[in-house]
Amino acid sequence: MINDNYLHSDTTQLILKAYYAVYNNLGFGFLEKVYENALLIELRKLGLACSKQCPIEVNYDDQIIGQYFADIIVHNSVIIEIKAAENICPGHECQLVNYLKATNIEVGLLLNFGKQPEFKRRVLTSQYKNLNVS
């Protein structure tokens, strides 16, 4: 059995390296889109395959009931949600967990470019996902 703390840890460590490079360079106060674009540059410099604004469909009773867009998905294994807020709040974390529920991806990083750099790592393995949401 794989320890959830280590699931895709090599990838998340590289993502965090890129995050701190962007934060240290740009600091606080830009819009999320600016941080997203800079983070994509850093991630690609580290050799990570990433896509931005990836559609995520939310299904209920085998019908599409909504569509969201993940800021960045890395190696089809980690969802990155970017914020530029004072602090990470529970709603931000819920958003990331819901993205994990709606996909086959099990690891997510919430990266906040606030006054102080702040991140949260969330793991939601398939055994804990609600089978009604796909």
Protein backbone atom coordinates (compact mmCIF):
# COMPACT_ATOMS: atom_id res chain seq x y z
CA MET A 1 0.00 0.00 0.00
CA ILE A 2 1.30 3.45 -0.97
CA ASN A 3 1.52 6.10 1.76
CA ASP A 4 -0.66 9.02 0.59
CA ASN A 5 1.98 11.49 1.83
CA TYR A 6 4.35 10.23 -0.86
CA LEU A 7 1.92 9.95 -3.78
CA HIS A 8 3.53 11.95 -6.62
CA SER A 9 5.88 13.58 -4.09
CA ASP A 10 8.69 13.98 -6.66
CA THR A 11 6.34 15.99 -8.87
CA THR A 12 4.89 18.06 -6.03
CA GLN A 13 8.39 18.91 -4.79
CA LEU A 14 9.29 20.27 -8.24
CA ILE A 15 6.02 22.20 -8.38
CA LEU A 16 6.80 23.79 -5.01
CA LYS A 17 10.28 24.68 -6.21
CA ALA A 18 8.71 26.47 -9.19
CA TYR A 19 6.12 28.12 -6.92
CA TYR A 20 8.76 29.62 -4.63
CA ALA A 21 10.81 30.77 -7.63
CA VAL A 22 7.79 32.68 -8.94
CA TYR A 23 6.84 34.02 -5.51
CA ASN A 24 10.39 35.20 -4.78
CA ASN A 25 10.58 36.90 -8.16
CA LEU A 26 7.13 38.52 -8.38
CA GLY A 27 6.09 38.85 -4.76
CA PHE A 28 2.55 39.73 -3.70
CA GLY A 29 -0.11 41.76 -5.49
CA PHE A 30 -0.57 40.46 -9.03
CA LEU A 31 -3.68 38.81 -10.44
CA GLU A 32 -3.91 35.01 -10.42
CA LYS A 33 -3.47 34.89 -14.22
CA VAL A 34 -0.03 36.54 -13.93
CA TYR A 35 1.10 33.94 -11.40
CA GLU A 36 -0.36 31.15 -13.53
CA ASN A 37 1.59 32.26 -16.60
CA ALA A 38 4.84 32.66 -14.65
CA LEU A 39 4.37 29.30 -12.94
CA LEU A 40 3.90 27.60 -16.31
CA ILE A 41 7.26 29.00 -17.44
CA GLU A 42 8.99 27.69 -14.30
CA LEU A 43 7.30 24.28 -14.47
CA ARG A 44 8.34 23.82 -18.09
CA LYS A 45 11.92 24.87 -17.27
CA LEU A 46 11.92 21.97 -14.79
CA GLY A 47 10.82 19.59 -17.54
CA LEU A 48 7.27 19.08 -16.29
CA ALA A 49 4.49 18.48 -18.80
CA CYS A 50 1.66 20.82 -17.90
CA SER A 51 -1.59 22.14 -19.29
CA LYS A 52 -3.48 25.23 -18.24
CA GLN A 53 -7.18 25.93 -17.84
CA CYS A 54 -8.13 22.26 -18.17
CA PRO A 55 -11.87 21.58 -18.28
CA ILE A 56 -13.32 19.45 -15.51
CA GLU A 57 -16.85 18.16 -15.96
CA VAL A 58 -19.00 17.48 -12.93
CA ASN A 59 -21.44 14.63 -13.36
CA TYR A 60 -24.47 13.65 -11.36
CA ASP A 61 -26.61 10.64 -12.15
CA ASP A 62 -24.64 10.19 -15.39
CA GLN A 63 -25.44 13.73 -16.56
CA ILE A 64 -23.11 16.69 -16.86
CA ILE A 65 -24.26 19.33 -14.38
CA GLY A 66 -21.32 21.73 -14.52
CA GLN A 67 -17.92 22.51 -15.87
CA TYR A 68 -14.96 24.08 -14.13
CA PHE A 69 -11.41 24.80 -15.22
CA ALA A 70 -8.36 23.66 -13.28
CA ASP A 71 -5.64 26.30 -13.39
CA ILE A 72 -2.86 23.82 -14.20
CA ILE A 73 -2.57 20.06 -14.42
CA VAL A 74 0.95 18.58 -14.25
CA HIS A 75 1.79 15.15 -15.75
CA ASN A 76 -1.94 14.33 -15.66
CA SER A 77 -1.34 13.51 -11.99
CA VAL A 78 -1.42 16.77 -9.99
CA ILE A 79 -4.00 19.56 -10.09
CA ILE A 80 -2.73 23.03 -9.20
CA GLU A 81 -5.20 25.66 -8.02
CA ILE A 82 -3.75 29.17 -7.83
CA LYS A 83 -4.95 31.90 -5.49
CA ALA A 84 -3.79 35.46 -4.86
CA ALA A 85 -5.66 36.02 -1.61
CA GLU A 86 -4.82 37.34 1.84
CA ASN A 87 -4.86 33.75 3.16
CA ILE A 88 -6.03 30.31 2.12
CA CYS A 89 -9.58 29.84 3.36
CA PRO A 90 -11.65 26.65 3.73
CA GLY A 91 -13.56 27.48 0.53
CA HIS A 92 -10.34 27.39 -1.48
CA GLU A 93 -9.52 23.97 -0.07
CA CYS A 94 -13.04 22.70 -0.83
CA GLN A 95 -12.68 23.86 -4.42
CA LEU A 96 -9.49 21.83 -4.84
CA VAL A 97 -10.98 18.74 -3.19
CA ASN A 98 -14.02 18.97 -5.47
CA TYR A 99 -11.71 19.10 -8.51
CA LEU A 100 -10.07 15.91 -7.23
CA LYS A 101 -13.48 14.29 -6.71
CA ALA A 102 -14.52 15.14 -10.27
CA THR A 103 -11.39 13.68 -11.90
CA ASN A 104 -9.20 10.60 -11.80
CA ILE A 105 -6.42 12.76 -10.34
CA GLU A 106 -5.62 12.04 -6.69
CA VAL A 107 -3.18 14.83 -5.72
CA GLY A 108 -3.79 18.57 -5.65
CA LEU A 109 -1.79 21.63 -4.62
CA LEU A 110 -3.38 24.89 -3.58
CA LEU A 111 -0.80 27.64 -4.09
CA ASN A 112 -1.52 31.06 -2.62
CA PHE A 113 0.49 34.08 -3.73
CA GLY A 114 -0.66 36.17 -0.76
CA LYS A 115 1.34 38.48 1.49
CA GLN A 116 3.12 35.35 2.72
CA PRO A 117 3.63 32.30 0.49
CA GLU A 118 1.25 29.56 1.53
CA PHE A 119 0.32 26.18 0.09
CA LYS A 120 -1.80 23.14 0.91
CA ARG A 121 -1.37 19.63 -0.45
CA ARG A 122 -4.45 17.45 -0.66
CA VAL A 123 -4.68 13.78 -1.54
CA LEU A 124 -7.95 12.08 -2.36
CA THR A 125 -7.33 8.52 -3.46
CA SER A 126 -9.89 6.73 -5.57
CA GLN A 127 -11.01 4.58 -2.64
CA TYR A 128 -12.34 7.74 -0.94
CA LYS A 129 -13.98 9.38 -3.93
CA ASN A 130 -17.76 9.50 -4.14
CA LEU A 131 -18.73 7.08 -6.89
CA ASN A 132 -21.65 9.32 -7.95
CA VAL A 133 -19.29 12.10 -8.98
CA SER A 134 -16.93 11.41 -11.88
